[in-house]
C-alpha atoms as a PDB file:
ATOM      1  CA  MET A   1     -25.033 -10.541  90.683  1.00  0.00           C
ATOM      2  CA  LEU A   2     -22.507 -10.461  93.463  1.00  0.00           C
ATOM      3  CA  ASP A   3     -22.345 -14.254  93.720  1.00  0.00           C
ATOM      4  CA  ASN A   4     -21.895 -14.417  89.779  1.00  0.00           C
ATOM      5  CA  LEU A   5     -18.907 -11.904  90.240  1.00  0.00           C
ATOM      6  CA  LEU A   6     -17.512 -13.830  93.096  1.00  0.00           C
ATOM      7  CA  SER A   7     -17.757 -17.167  91.083  1.00  0.00           C
ATOM      8  CA  ARG A   8     -16.039 -15.486  88.096  1.00  0.00           C
ATOM      9  CA  TYR A   9     -13.287 -14.105  90.401  1.00  0.00           C
ATOM     10  CA  SER A  10     -12.826 -17.569  91.833  1.00  0.00           C
ATOM     11  CA  TRP A  11     -12.515 -19.393  88.597  1.00  0.00           C
ATOM     12  CA  LEU A  12     -10.022 -16.535  87.382  1.00  0.00           C
ATOM     13  CA  ALA A  13      -7.982 -17.174  90.439  1.00  0.00           C
ATOM     14  CA  GLN A  14      -7.825 -20.812  89.835  1.00  0.00           C
ATOM     15  CA  TRP A  15      -6.583 -20.610  86.350  1.00  0.00           C
ATOM     16  CA  GLU A  16      -4.054 -17.811  87.539  1.00  0.00           C
ATOM     17  CA  ASP A  17      -2.730 -20.409  90.069  1.00  0.00           C
ATOM     18  CA  ILE A  18      -2.583 -23.081  87.483  1.00  0.00           C
ATOM     19  CA  GLY A  19      -0.954 -20.719  84.997  1.00  0.00           C
ATOM     20  CA  ILE A  20       1.835 -19.864  87.791  1.00  0.00           C
ATOM     21  CA  ALA A  21       2.437 -23.464  88.597  1.00  0.00           C
ATOM     22  CA  LEU A  22       2.902 -24.179  84.632  1.00  0.00           C
ATOM     23  CA  GLY A  23       5.399 -21.065  84.754  1.00  0.00           C
ATOM     24  CA  ILE A  24       7.366 -22.671  87.768  1.00  0.00           C
ATOM     25  CA  LEU A  25       7.374 -25.968  85.774  1.00  0.00           C
ATOM     26  CA  ILE A  26       8.814 -24.087  82.576  1.00  0.00           C
ATOM     27  CA  ILE A  27      11.355 -22.339  84.624  1.00  0.00           C
ATOM     28  CA  PHE A  28      12.700 -25.373  86.289  1.00  0.00           C
ATOM     29  CA  HIS A  29      12.997 -27.179  82.770  1.00  0.00           C
ATOM     30  CA  VAL A  30      14.899 -24.242  81.509  1.00  0.00           C
ATOM     31  CA  PHE A  31      17.156 -24.355  84.546  1.00  0.00           C
ATOM     32  CA  ARG A  32      17.753 -28.069  83.997  1.00  0.00           C
ATOM     33  CA  LYS A  33      18.822 -27.311  80.488  1.00  0.00           C
ATOM     34  CA  ILE A  34      21.225 -24.697  81.667  1.00  0.00           C
ATOM     35  CA  PHE A  35      22.745 -26.873  84.374  1.00  0.00           C
ATOM     36  CA  THR A  36      23.110 -29.687  81.962  1.00  0.00           C
ATOM     37  CA  LYS A  37      24.661 -27.587  79.337  1.00  0.00           C
ATOM     38  CA  TYR A  38      26.926 -25.408  81.225  1.00  0.00           C
ATOM     39  CA  ILE A  39      27.043 -25.832  85.157  1.00  0.00           C
ATOM     40  CA  TYR A  40      27.377 -29.596  84.922  1.00  0.00           C
ATOM     41  CA  LYS A  41      29.977 -29.833  82.246  1.00  0.00           C
ATOM     42  CA  LEU A  42      32.045 -27.063  84.105  1.00  0.00           C
ATOM     43  CA  LEU A  43      31.874 -29.308  87.256  1.00  0.00           C
ATOM     44  CA  LEU A  44      32.728 -32.551  85.317  1.00  0.00           C
ATOM     45  CA  ARG A  45      35.889 -30.597  83.764  1.00  0.00           C
ATOM     46  CA  LEU A  46      36.995 -29.570  87.319  1.00  0.00           C
ATOM     47  CA  ALA A  47      36.340 -33.067  88.584  1.00  0.00           C
ATOM     48  CA  LYS A  48      38.679 -34.523  86.125  1.00  0.00           C
ATOM     49  CA  LYS A  49      41.675 -32.210  87.252  1.00  0.00           C
ATOM     50  CA  THR A  50      41.240 -33.740  90.882  1.00  0.00           C
ATOM     51  CA  PRO A  51      44.142 -36.354  91.729  1.00  0.00           C
ATOM     52  CA  THR A  52      41.550 -39.334  91.761  1.00  0.00           C
ATOM     53  CA  ASP A  53      39.021 -40.703  89.473  1.00  0.00           C
ATOM     54  CA  ILE A  54      36.381 -41.407  92.039  1.00  0.00           C
ATOM     55  CA  VAL A  55      34.969 -37.632  92.083  1.00  0.00           C
ATOM     56  CA  THR A  56      34.599 -37.935  88.317  1.00  0.00           C
ATOM     57  CA  ASN A  57      32.863 -41.244  88.646  1.00  0.00           C
ATOM     58  CA  ILE A  58      30.577 -39.776  91.116  1.00  0.00           C
ATOM     59  CA  PHE A  59      29.645 -36.982  88.708  1.00  0.00           C
ATOM     60  CA  VAL A  60      29.126 -39.280  85.710  1.00  0.00           C
ATOM     61  CA  ALA A  61      26.875 -41.800  87.985  1.00  0.00           C
ATOM     62  CA  PHE A  62      24.621 -38.812  89.311  1.00  0.00           C
ATOM     63  CA  GLU A  63      24.146 -37.201  86.124  1.00  0.00           C
ATOM     64  CA  GLY A  64      20.582 -38.833  85.304  1.00  0.00           C
ATOM     65  CA  PRO A  65      19.381 -38.352  88.809  1.00  0.00           C
ATOM     66  CA  LEU A  66      20.282 -34.691  88.834  1.00  0.00           C
ATOM     67  CA  ARG A  67      18.294 -34.328  85.545  1.00  0.00           C
ATOM     68  CA  LEU A  68      15.487 -36.014  87.162  1.00  0.00           C
ATOM     69  CA  PHE A  69      15.925 -33.886  90.453  1.00  0.00           C
ATOM     70  CA  PHE A  70      15.071 -30.622  88.497  1.00  0.00           C
ATOM     71  CA  VAL A  71      12.025 -32.284  86.795  1.00  0.00           C
ATOM     72  CA  GLY A  72      10.885 -33.552  90.350  1.00  0.00           C
ATOM     73  CA  ILE A  73      11.717 -30.420  92.296  1.00  0.00           C
ATOM     74  CA  GLY A  74       9.829 -28.402  89.503  1.00  0.00           C
ATOM     75  CA  PHE A  75       6.564 -30.613  89.946  1.00  0.00           C
ATOM     76  CA  TYR A  76       7.084 -30.455  93.880  1.00  0.00           C
ATOM     77  CA  VAL A  77       7.209 -26.420  93.954  1.00  0.00           C
ATOM     78  CA  ALA A  78       4.109 -26.062  91.120  1.00  0.00           C
ATOM     79  CA  LEU A  79       1.926 -28.308  93.276  1.00  0.00           C
ATOM     80  CA  MET A  80       2.866 -26.954  96.581  1.00  0.00           C
ATOM     81  CA  TYR A  81       1.915 -23.366  95.104  1.00  0.00           C
ATOM     82  CA  LEU A  82      -1.596 -24.530  94.180  1.00  0.00           C
ATOM     83  CA  PRO A  83      -4.418 -24.064  96.960  1.00  0.00           C
ATOM     84  CA  LEU A  84      -4.713 -27.777  97.449  1.00  0.00           C
ATOM     85  CA  GLU A  85      -6.087 -29.540 100.634  1.00  0.00           C
ATOM     86  CA  LYS A  86      -3.882 -30.492 103.564  1.00  0.00           C
ATOM     87  CA  ASN A  87      -3.994 -34.200 102.991  1.00  0.00           C
ATOM     88  CA  THR A  88      -2.998 -33.864  99.313  1.00  0.00           C
ATOM     89  CA  ASN A  89      -0.144 -31.510 100.251  1.00  0.00           C
ATOM     90  CA  GLU A  90       1.191 -34.496 102.861  1.00  0.00           C
ATOM     91  CA  ILE A  91       0.771 -37.007 100.041  1.00  0.00           C
ATOM     92  CA  ILE A  92       2.810 -34.891  97.592  1.00  0.00           C
ATOM     93  CA  ILE A  93       5.647 -34.400 100.540  1.00  0.00           C
ATOM     94  CA  GLN A  94       5.668 -38.113 100.905  1.00  0.00           C
ATOM     95  CA  VAL A  95       5.925 -38.683  97.173  1.00  0.00           C
ATOM     96  CA  PHE A  96       8.807 -36.149  96.828  1.00  0.00           C
ATOM     97  CA  ARG A  97      10.572 -37.685  99.901  1.00  0.00           C
ATOM     98  CA  SER A  98      10.353 -41.237  98.087  1.00  0.00           C
ATOM     99  CA  PHE A  99      11.541 -39.626  94.822  1.00  0.00           C
ATOM    100  CA  ILE A 100      14.577 -38.383  96.210  1.00  0.00           C
ATOM    101  CA  ILE A 101      15.274 -41.771  98.089  1.00  0.00           C
ATOM    102  CA  PHE A 102      14.930 -43.223  94.575  1.00  0.00           C
ATOM    103  CA  LEU A 103      17.186 -40.572  92.899  1.00  0.00           C
ATOM    104  CA  VAL A 104      20.037 -41.417  95.707  1.00  0.00           C
ATOM    105  CA  GLY A 105      19.341 -45.242  94.841  1.00  0.00           C
ATOM    106  CA  TYR A 106      19.606 -44.751  91.217  1.00  0.00           C
ATOM    107  CA  GLY A 107      22.879 -42.640  91.512  1.00  0.00           C
ATOM    108  CA  LEU A 108      24.421 -45.326  93.761  1.00  0.00           C
ATOM    109  CA  PHE A 109      23.208 -48.134  91.219  1.00  0.00           C
ATOM    110  CA  ASN A 110      25.225 -46.475  88.501  1.00  0.00           C
ATOM    111  CA  LEU A 111      28.090 -45.902  90.768  1.00  0.00           C
ATOM    112  CA  SER A 112      28.187 -49.688  91.464  1.00  0.00           C
ATOM    113  CA  ALA A 113      28.631 -50.506  87.920  1.00  0.00           C
ATOM    114  CA  ALA A 114      31.570 -52.876  86.880  1.00  0.00           C
ATOM    115  CA  SER A 115      33.199 -50.058  85.018  1.00  0.00           C
ATOM    116  CA  SER A 116      33.261 -47.791  87.960  1.00  0.00           C
ATOM    117  CA  ALA A 117      36.739 -46.712  89.330  1.00  0.00           C
ATOM    118  CA  LEU A 118      35.357 -47.223  92.857  1.00  0.00           C
ATOM    119  CA  PHE A 119      35.972 -51.243  92.739  1.00  0.00           C
ATOM    120  CA  GLN A 120      39.455 -50.639  91.410  1.00  0.00           C
ATOM    121  CA  LYS A 121      40.413 -48.205  94.204  1.00  0.00           C
ATOM    122  CA  ILE A 122      39.010 -50.305  96.914  1.00  0.00           C
ATOM    123  CA  GLY A 123      40.962 -53.216  95.411  1.00  0.00           C
ATOM    124  CA  LEU A 124      44.160 -51.180  95.554  1.00  0.00           C
ATOM    125  CA  LYS A 125      43.502 -50.083  99.085  1.00  0.00           C
ATOM    126  CA  LEU A 126      42.792 -53.671 100.232  1.00  0.00           C
ATOM    127  CA  ASP A 127      45.699 -55.257  98.198  1.00  0.00           C
ATOM    128  CA  VAL A 128      43.082 -57.275  96.500  1.00  0.00           C
ATOM    129  CA  GLU A 129      43.519 -58.373  92.873  1.00  0.00           C
ATOM    130  CA  VAL A 130      40.199 -57.169  91.021  1.00  0.00           C
ATOM    131  CA  ASP A 131      40.129 -59.089  87.865  1.00  0.00           C
ATOM    132  CA  GLU A 132      37.491 -59.274  85.040  1.00  0.00           C
ATOM    133  CA  ILE A 133      35.450 -61.957  87.040  1.00  0.00           C
ATOM    134  CA  LEU A 134      35.386 -60.524  90.576  1.00  0.00           C
ATOM    135  CA  LEU A 135      34.544 -57.241  89.444  1.00  0.00           C
ATOM    136  CA  PRO A 136      31.380 -57.941  87.599  1.00  0.00           C
ATOM    137  CA  PHE A 137      30.591 -60.251  90.604  1.00  0.00           C
ATOM    138  CA  LEU A 138      30.959 -57.564  93.194  1.00  0.00           C
ATOM    139  CA  SER A 139      29.020 -55.040  91.165  1.00  0.00           C
ATOM    140  CA  LYS A 140      26.024 -57.247  90.754  1.00  0.00           C
ATOM    141  CA  LEU A 141      26.175 -57.956  94.608  1.00  0.00           C
ATOM    142  CA  ALA A 142      26.585 -54.095  95.304  1.00  0.00           C
ATOM    143  CA  ARG A 143      23.538 -53.429  92.887  1.00  0.00           C
ATOM    144  CA  ILE A 144      21.466 -55.925  94.824  1.00  0.00           C
ATOM    145  CA  VAL A 145      22.152 -54.254  98.041  1.00  0.00           C
ATOM    146  CA  VAL A 146      21.289 -50.937  96.814  1.00  0.00           C
ATOM    147  CA  ILE A 147      18.031 -51.981  95.379  1.00  0.00           C
ATOM    148  CA  ALA A 148      17.044 -53.728  98.665  1.00  0.00           C
ATOM    149  CA  LEU A 149      18.114 -50.602 100.791  1.00  0.00           C
ATOM    150  CA  MET A 150      16.089 -48.374  98.634  1.00  0.00           C
ATOM    151  CA  VAL A 151      13.073 -50.514  98.433  1.00  0.00           C
ATOM    152  CA  SER A 152      13.209 -50.851 102.324  1.00  0.00           C
ATOM    153  CA  ILE A 153      13.445 -47.051 102.893  1.00  0.00           C
ATOM    154  CA  ILE A 154      10.742 -46.116 100.371  1.00  0.00           C
ATOM    155  CA  ALA A 155       8.481 -48.773 102.039  1.00  0.00           C
ATOM    156  CA  ASP A 156       9.141 -47.410 105.556  1.00  0.00           C
ATOM    157  CA  GLU A 157       8.598 -43.837 104.293  1.00  0.00           C
ATOM    158  CA  TRP A 158       4.960 -45.029 103.228  1.00  0.00           C
ATOM    159  CA  GLY A 159       4.445 -46.883 106.721  1.00  0.00           C
ATOM    160  CA  TYR A 160       5.011 -50.409 105.839  1.00  0.00           C
ATOM    161  CA  ASP A 161       6.501 -52.599 108.606  1.00  0.00           C
ATOM    162  CA  ILE A 162       9.917 -53.689 107.436  1.00  0.00           C
ATOM    163  CA  ASN A 163      10.760 -55.183 110.727  1.00  0.00           C
ATOM    164  CA  GLY A 164       7.809 -57.740 110.505  1.00  0.00           C
ATOM    165  CA  PHE A 165       8.787 -58.607 107.089  1.00  0.00           C
ATOM    166  CA  VAL A 166      12.462 -59.214 107.952  1.00  0.00           C
ATOM    167  CA  ALA A 167      10.799 -61.415 110.922  1.00  0.00           C
ATOM    168  CA  GLY A 168       8.574 -63.268 108.603  1.00  0.00           C
ATOM    169  CA  LEU A 169      11.820 -63.969 106.518  1.00  0.00           C
ATOM    170  CA  GLY A 170      13.655 -65.393 109.690  1.00  0.00           C
ATOM    171  CA  LEU A 171      10.486 -67.818 110.485  1.00  0.00           C
ATOM    172  CA  GLY A 172      10.406 -69.017 106.931  1.00  0.00           C
ATOM    173  CA  GLY A 173      14.418 -69.186 106.453  1.00  0.00           C
ATOM    174  CA  LEU A 174      14.395 -72.758 106.913  1.00  0.00           C
ATOM    175  CA  ALA A 175      11.838 -73.640 104.229  1.00  0.00           C
ATOM    176  CA  PHE A 176      13.396 -71.028 102.056  1.00  0.00           C
ATOM    177  CA  ALA A 177      16.975 -72.637 102.617  1.00  0.00           C
ATOM    178  CA  LEU A 178      15.273 -76.068 101.667  1.00  0.00           C
ATOM    179  CA  ALA A 179      13.544 -74.990  98.615  1.00  0.00           C
ATOM    180  CA  ALA A 180      16.713 -73.007  97.427  1.00  0.00           C
ATOM    181  CA  LYS A 181      19.301 -75.410  98.225  1.00  0.00           C
ATOM    182  CA  ASP A 182      20.516 -75.869  94.633  1.00  0.00           C
ATOM    183  CA  ALA A 183      20.532 -72.008  94.149  1.00  0.00           C
ATOM    184  CA  ILE A 184      22.595 -71.414  97.443  1.00  0.00           C
ATOM    185  CA  ALA A 185      24.980 -74.326  96.340  1.00  0.00           C
ATOM    186  CA  ASN A 186      25.299 -72.500  93.022  1.00  0.00           C
ATOM    187  CA  LEU A 187      26.290 -69.216  94.791  1.00  0.00           C
ATOM    188  CA  PHE A 188      28.705 -70.660  96.926  1.00  0.00           C
ATOM    189  CA  GLY A 189      30.372 -72.476  94.101  1.00  0.00           C
ATOM    190  CA  GLY A 190      30.570 -69.042  92.390  1.00  0.00           C
ATOM    191  CA  VAL A 191      32.198 -67.814  95.410  1.00  0.00           C
ATOM    192  CA  ILE A 192      34.728 -70.704  95.456  1.00  0.00           C
ATOM    193  CA  ILE A 193      35.540 -70.038  91.418  1.00  0.00           C
ATOM    194  CA  ILE A 194      36.154 -66.334  92.142  1.00  0.00           C
ATOM    195  CA  THR A 195      38.349 -66.659  95.201  1.00  0.00           C
ATOM    196  CA  GLU A 196      40.328 -69.655  94.004  1.00  0.00           C
ATOM    197  CA  LYS A 197      40.387 -68.263  90.661  1.00  0.00           C
ATOM    198  CA  PRO A 198      41.166 -71.458  88.599  1.00  0.00           C
ATOM    199  CA  PHE A 199      40.255 -69.480  85.443  1.00  0.00           C
ATOM    200  CA  SER A 200      39.293 -66.084  84.184  1.00  0.00           C
ATOM    201  CA  ILE A 201      37.022 -64.692  81.529  1.00  0.00           C
ATOM    202  CA  GLY A 202      38.403 -65.440  78.122  1.00  0.00           C
ATOM    203  CA  ASP A 203      40.460 -68.593  79.417  1.00  0.00           C
ATOM    204  CA  TRP A 204      40.425 -71.973  77.553  1.00  0.00           C
ATOM    205  CA  ILE A 205      39.460 -74.615  80.222  1.00  0.00           C
ATOM    206  CA  LYS A 206      38.493 -78.222  79.930  1.00  0.00           C
ATOM    207  CA  THR A 207      36.345 -80.116  82.497  1.00  0.00           C
ATOM    208  CA  PRO A 208      34.569 -83.701  82.461  1.00  0.00           C
ATOM    209  CA  SER A 209      31.623 -81.854  81.219  1.00  0.00           C
ATOM    210  CA  VAL A 210      32.541 -79.390  78.802  1.00  0.00           C
ATOM    211  CA  GLU A 211      35.571 -77.585  77.185  1.00  0.00           C
ATOM    212  CA  GLY A 212      35.899 -74.126  75.650  1.00  0.00           C
ATOM    213  CA  THR A 213      36.330 -70.673  76.271  1.00  0.00           C
ATOM    214  CA  VAL A 214      34.830 -68.883  79.354  1.00  0.00           C
ATOM    215  CA  GLU A 215      32.710 -65.871  78.519  1.00  0.00           C
ATOM    216  CA  ASP A 216      30.805 -65.013  81.741  1.00  0.00           C
ATOM    217  CA  ILE A 217      30.370 -65.940  85.354  1.00  0.00           C
ATOM    218  CA  THR A 218      27.116 -65.176  87.379  1.00  0.00           C
ATOM    219  CA  PHE A 219      25.668 -65.856  90.875  1.00  0.00           C
ATOM    220  CA  ARG A 220      24.102 -69.097  89.482  1.00  0.00           C
ATOM    221  CA  SER A 221      26.313 -70.377  86.589  1.00  0.00           C
ATOM    222  CA  THR A 222      29.256 -69.975  84.274  1.00  0.00           C
ATOM    223  CA  LYS A 223      28.976 -69.574  80.391  1.00  0.00           C
ATOM    224  CA  ILE A 224      31.320 -71.412  78.165  1.00  0.00           C
ATOM    225  CA  ARG A 225      31.483 -71.139  74.511  1.00  0.00           C
ATOM    226  CA  THR A 226      32.705 -74.482  72.921  1.00  0.00           C
ATOM    227  CA  PHE A 227      34.831 -74.677  69.792  1.00  0.00           C
ATOM    228  CA  ALA A 228      31.747 -75.269  67.896  1.00  0.00           C
ATOM    229  CA  GLN A 229      30.567 -71.991  68.979  1.00  0.00           C
ATOM    230  CA  ALA A 230      27.778 -73.275  71.131  1.00  0.00           C
ATOM    231  CA  VAL A 231      27.395 -71.632  74.506  1.00  0.00           C
ATOM    232  CA  VAL A 232      27.069 -74.223  77.256  1.00  0.00           C
ATOM    233  CA  THR A 233      25.760 -72.939  80.794  1.00  0.00           C
ATOM    234  CA  VAL A 234      27.305 -74.925  83.530  1.00  0.00           C
ATOM    235  CA  PRO A 235      25.960 -74.532  87.335  1.00  0.00           C
ATOM    236  CA  ASN A 236      28.409 -73.303  89.669  1.00  0.00           C
ATOM    237  CA  SER A 237      28.110 -75.974  91.979  1.00  0.00           C
ATOM    238  CA  THR A 238      28.981 -78.465  89.246  1.00  0.00           C
ATOM    239  CA  LEU A 239      31.948 -76.666  87.960  1.00  0.00           C
ATOM    240  CA  SER A 240      33.477 -76.074  91.487  1.00  0.00           C
ATOM    241  CA  ASN A 241      33.408 -79.684  92.154  1.00  0.00           C
ATOM    242  CA  GLU A 242      35.131 -81.058  89.076  1.00  0.00           C
ATOM    243  CA  PRO A 243      38.707 -81.088  88.106  1.00  0.00           C
ATOM    244  CA  ILE A 244      39.472 -78.194  85.639  1.00  0.00           C
ATOM    245  CA  THR A 245      42.221 -77.879  83.244  1.00  0.00           C
ATOM    246  CA  ASN A 246      43.307 -74.375  82.398  1.00  0.00           C
ATOM    247  CA  TRP A 247      44.880 -74.748  78.825  1.00  0.00           C
ATOM    248  CA  THR A 248      45.583 -71.097  78.956  1.00  0.00           C
ATOM    249  CA  LYS A 249      47.839 -71.122  81.943  1.00  0.00           C
ATOM    250  CA  MET A 250      50.151 -73.294  80.217  1.00  0.00           C
ATOM    251  CA  GLY A 251      53.695 -71.708  79.982  1.00  0.00           C
ATOM    252  CA  LYS A 252      54.492 -73.965  77.144  1.00  0.00           C
ATOM    253  CA  ARG A 253      52.913 -76.837  75.102  1.00  0.00           C
ATOM    254  CA  ARG A 254      53.787 -80.430  75.218  1.00  0.00           C
ATOM    255  CA  ILE A 255      54.633 -82.756  72.302  1.00  0.00           C
ATOM    256  CA  SER A 256      55.036 -86.638  72.820  1.00  0.00           C
ATOM    257  CA  PHE A 257      54.962 -89.470  70.578  1.00  0.00           C
ATOM    258  CA  HIS A 258      56.571 -92.731  69.480  1.00  0.00           C
ATOM    259  CA  LEU A 259      58.142 -93.173  66.092  1.00  0.00           C
ATOM    260  CA  GLY A 260      58.538 -96.517  64.776  1.00  0.00           C
ATOM    261  CA  VAL A 261      61.241 -97.652  62.146  1.00  0.00           C
ATOM    262  CA  THR A 262      61.707-101.194  60.595  1.00  0.00           C
ATOM    263  CA  TYR A 263      63.680-103.907  62.295  1.00  0.00           C
ATOM    264  CA  SER A 264      65.858-104.145  59.243  1.00  0.00           C
ATOM    265  CA  THR A 265      67.544-100.648  60.216  1.00  0.00           C
ATOM    266  CA  PRO A 266      71.116-101.161  60.973  1.00  0.00           C
ATOM    267  CA  LYS A 267      72.118 -99.851  64.402  1.00  0.00           C
ATOM    268  CA  ALA A 268      74.629 -97.151  63.131  1.00  0.00           C
ATOM    269  CA  ASN A 269      71.695 -95.547  61.127  1.00  0.00           C
ATOM    270  CA  LEU A 270      69.311 -95.631  64.220  1.00  0.00           C
ATOM    271  CA  GLU A 271      71.897 -93.906  66.234  1.00  0.00           C
ATOM    272  CA  ALA A 272      72.499 -91.268  63.737  1.00  0.00           C
ATOM    273  CA  CYS A 273      68.742 -90.559  63.430  1.00  0.00           C
ATOM    274  CA  LEU A 274      68.536 -90.015  67.274  1.00  0.00           C
ATOM    275  CA  THR A 275      71.452 -87.807  67.231  1.00  0.00           C
ATOM    276  CA  LYS A 276      70.303 -85.624  64.250  1.00  0.00           C
ATOM    277  CA  ILE A 277      66.548 -85.249  65.458  1.00  0.00           C
ATOM    278  CA  GLU A 278      67.829 -84.168  68.979  1.00  0.00           C
ATOM    279  CA  ASN A 279      69.972 -81.555  67.587  1.00  0.00           C
ATOM    280  CA  MET A 280      67.502 -80.151  65.205  1.00  0.00           C
ATOM    281  CA  LEU A 281      65.061 -79.852  68.312  1.00  0.00           C
ATOM    282  CA  LYS A 282      68.054 -78.051  70.174  1.00  0.00           C
ATOM    283  CA  LEU A 283      68.338 -75.621  67.309  1.00  0.00           C
ATOM    284  CA  HIS A 284      64.964 -74.982  66.626  1.00  0.00           C
ATOM    285  CA  ASP A 285      63.851 -71.440  67.583  1.00  0.00           C
ATOM    286  CA  GLU A 286      60.300 -72.588  68.516  1.00  0.00           C
ATOM    287  CA  ILE A 287      61.138 -75.386  70.688  1.00  0.00           C
ATOM    288  CA  ASP A 288      61.781 -74.887  74.499  1.00  0.00           C
ATOM    289  CA  GLN A 289      65.155 -76.047  75.455  1.00  0.00           C
ATOM    290  CA  GLU A 290      64.477 -77.038  79.048  1.00  0.00           C
ATOM    291  CA  THR A 291      63.204 -80.570  78.286  1.00  0.00           C
ATOM    292  CA  ILE A 292      64.150 -82.599  75.198  1.00  0.00           C
ATOM    293  CA  PHE A 293      64.195 -86.357  75.042  1.00  0.00           C
ATOM    294  CA  VAL A 294      65.082 -88.527  71.947  1.00  0.00           C
ATOM    295  CA  ARG A 295      65.705 -92.038  72.961  1.00  0.00           C
ATOM    296  CA  PHE A 296      65.336 -95.766  71.470  1.00  0.00           C
ATOM    297  CA  ASP A 297      62.674 -96.678  73.602  1.00  0.00           C
ATOM    298  CA  GLU A 298      61.716-100.266  73.020  1.00  0.00           C
ATOM    299  CA  PHE A 299      61.293-103.569  70.686  1.00  0.00           C
ATOM    300  CA  ASN A 300      57.777-103.303  69.596  1.00  0.00           C
ATOM    301  CA  GLU A 301      55.868-106.098  67.812  1.00  0.00           C
ATOM    302  CA  SER A 302      56.483-104.602  64.346  1.00  0.00           C
ATOM    303  CA  SER A 303      58.739-101.762  64.884  1.00  0.00           C
ATOM    304  CA  LEU A 304      61.911-100.372  66.583  1.00  0.00           C
ATOM    305  CA  ASP A 305      60.050 -97.412  68.627  1.00  0.00           C
ATOM    306  CA  ILE A 306      61.933 -93.930  69.038  1.00  0.00           C
ATOM    307  CA  PHE A 307      60.405 -92.019  71.978  1.00  0.00           C
ATOM    308  CA  VAL A 308      60.373 -88.166  71.213  1.00  0.00           C
ATOM    309  CA  TYR A 309      59.253 -85.603  73.744  1.00  0.00           C
ATOM    310  CA  PHE A 310      59.480 -82.022  73.914  1.00  0.00           C
ATOM    311  CA  PHE A 311      57.737 -78.699  74.316  1.00  0.00           C
ATOM    312  CA  THR A 312      56.838 -75.752  72.191  1.00  0.00           C
ATOM    313  CA  LYS A 313      57.419 -72.195  73.268  1.00  0.00           C
ATOM    314  CA  THR A 314      54.095 -71.062  72.094  1.00  0.00           C
ATOM    315  CA  THR A 315      50.735 -72.231  73.667  1.00  0.00           C
ATOM    316  CA  VAL A 316      48.508 -70.802  70.701  1.00  0.00           C
ATOM    317  CA  TRP A 317      46.678 -73.599  69.115  1.00  0.00           C
ATOM    318  CA  GLY A 318      47.366 -72.537  65.504  1.00  0.00           C
ATOM    319  CA  GLN A 319      51.033 -71.587  66.049  1.00  0.00           C
ATOM    320  CA  PHE A 320      51.546 -74.951  68.191  1.00  0.00           C
ATOM    321  CA  LEU A 321      49.991 -77.153  65.161  1.00  0.00           C
ATOM    322  CA  ALA A 322      52.755 -75.017  62.611  1.00  0.00           C
ATOM    323  CA  VAL A 323      55.554 -75.750  64.961  1.00  0.00           C
ATOM    324  CA  LYS A 324      54.540 -79.494  65.278  1.00  0.00           C
ATOM    325  CA  GLU A 325      54.211 -79.795  61.335  1.00  0.00           C
ATOM    326  CA  ASP A 326      57.615 -78.176  60.798  1.00  0.00           C
ATOM    327  CA  VAL A 327      59.211 -80.779  63.457  1.00  0.00           C
ATOM    328  CA  ASN A 328      57.610 -83.591  61.578  1.00  0.00           C
ATOM    329  CA  PHE A 329      58.686 -82.590  58.073  1.00  0.00           C
ATOM    330  CA  LYS A 330      62.198 -82.080  59.354  1.00  0.00           C
ATOM    331  CA  ILE A 331      62.136 -85.685  61.009  1.00  0.00           C
ATOM    332  CA  MET A 332      61.123 -87.019  57.777  1.00  0.00           C
ATOM    333  CA  GLU A 333      63.972 -85.455  56.060  1.00  0.00           C
ATOM    334  CA  ILE A 334      66.410 -86.888  58.689  1.00  0.00           C
ATOM    335  CA  LEU A 335      64.981 -90.469  58.062  1.00  0.00           C
ATOM    336  CA  GLU A 336      65.399 -89.960  54.356  1.00  0.00           C
ATOM    337  CA  ALA A 337      68.687 -89.022  54.709  1.00  0.00           C
ATOM    338  CA  GLU A 338      69.774 -91.715  56.838  1.00  0.00           C
ATOM    339  CA  GLU A 339      67.598 -94.298  54.407  1.00  0.00           C
ATOM    340  CA  VAL A 340      65.617 -95.342  57.483  1.00  0.00           C
ATOM    341  CA  SER A 341      61.813 -96.451  56.746  1.00  0.00           C
ATOM    342  CA  VAL A 342      58.781 -95.936  58.956  1.00  0.00           C
ATOM    343  CA  ALA A 343      57.543 -99.245  59.848  1.00  0.00           C
ATOM    344  CA  PHE A 344      53.671-100.272  59.851  1.00  0.00           C
ATOM    345  CA  PRO A 345      52.002-103.000  61.693  1.00  0.00           C
ATOM    346  CA  SER A 346      53.008-106.301  59.875  1.00  0.00           C
ATOM    347  CA  ARG A 347      53.448-109.977  60.315  1.00  0.00           C
ATOM    348  CA  SER A 348      55.876-112.615  58.924  1.00  0.00           C
ATOM    349  CA  ILE A 349      54.559-116.128  58.352  1.00  0.00           C
ATOM    350  CA  TYR A 350      56.812-118.937  57.818  1.00  0.00           C
ATOM    351  CA  VAL A 351      55.220-122.174  56.004  1.00  0.00           C
ATOM    352  CA  GLU A 352      57.180-125.229  56.684  1.00  0.00           C
ATOM    353  CA  LYS A 353      57.244-127.907  53.800  1.00  0.00           C
ATOM    354  CA  GLU A 354      56.994-131.753  54.705  1.00  0.00           C
ATOM    355  CA  ALA A 355      60.070-133.952  53.681  1.00  0.00           C
END
């Protein structure tokens, strides 16, 4: 009878402990809701009033880890309350410590996002121009470092020998370098592109292998969208060793051509055409006035060639074509007014008659 009572009491005590543990979980869950809805928002409003955006960035980056922290600490307190064995409690403590390390790494991973103000502040402090190419590159590099450190610390927490692993990497470094020489070449190619900045994301570039608009640059390659709307992925090692023409960097856009008129054109009419075309270009609102050449260039096989050389102010392809078209129409009007005909390839054949 006594044994039955003790067994029944023990069974009730176990369920009471489990009930209290569940109550602890519920309390921490409710507190997490209160913290997220009220306390966190209050702290975020106060952070936005600070003179720097870094504090706000830190709060935003650690919002997710803080939510998980209350869940984790609720499970930790609930499990530690239960009458478990000593070895089990030690494992729970180890898991909780690893969980805290993960949360810190999670927050730092969010903080090192490309949209973070942290990189902007570092760039201003070091007087480094942080553009749309360098920022994602630094962000990815920082995130890799954060993940590597987090994994290393957690592994060390569970007794794995990190020093032996690093030593093993040192012994196999040569073989790894030989196997990954292309990847390393692409990485250094990406560094060269970022430091020398021959182009930025959104620029229109032309190389011997591809022409189009730069969409993205990663550790290994650069993505370029062609005018046919196809995406070409070019290895950084290839791109960094090619001549790159950046059409977006043009301050003005060149137009150069030869205009051939017939040999029957009188000298006075030809001179008048040269003068009127040059004056038209000098008075045109869309033509850059720094360099304009309109000259009688050479006697060609079937034409008298006028050399026309000038620049448009716009570099936008559509606007450039519109200006070029307008200039062509005005040149046609000048030729018609001076009664000068455009020549086309032709030959004159003379037949001799016998006496």
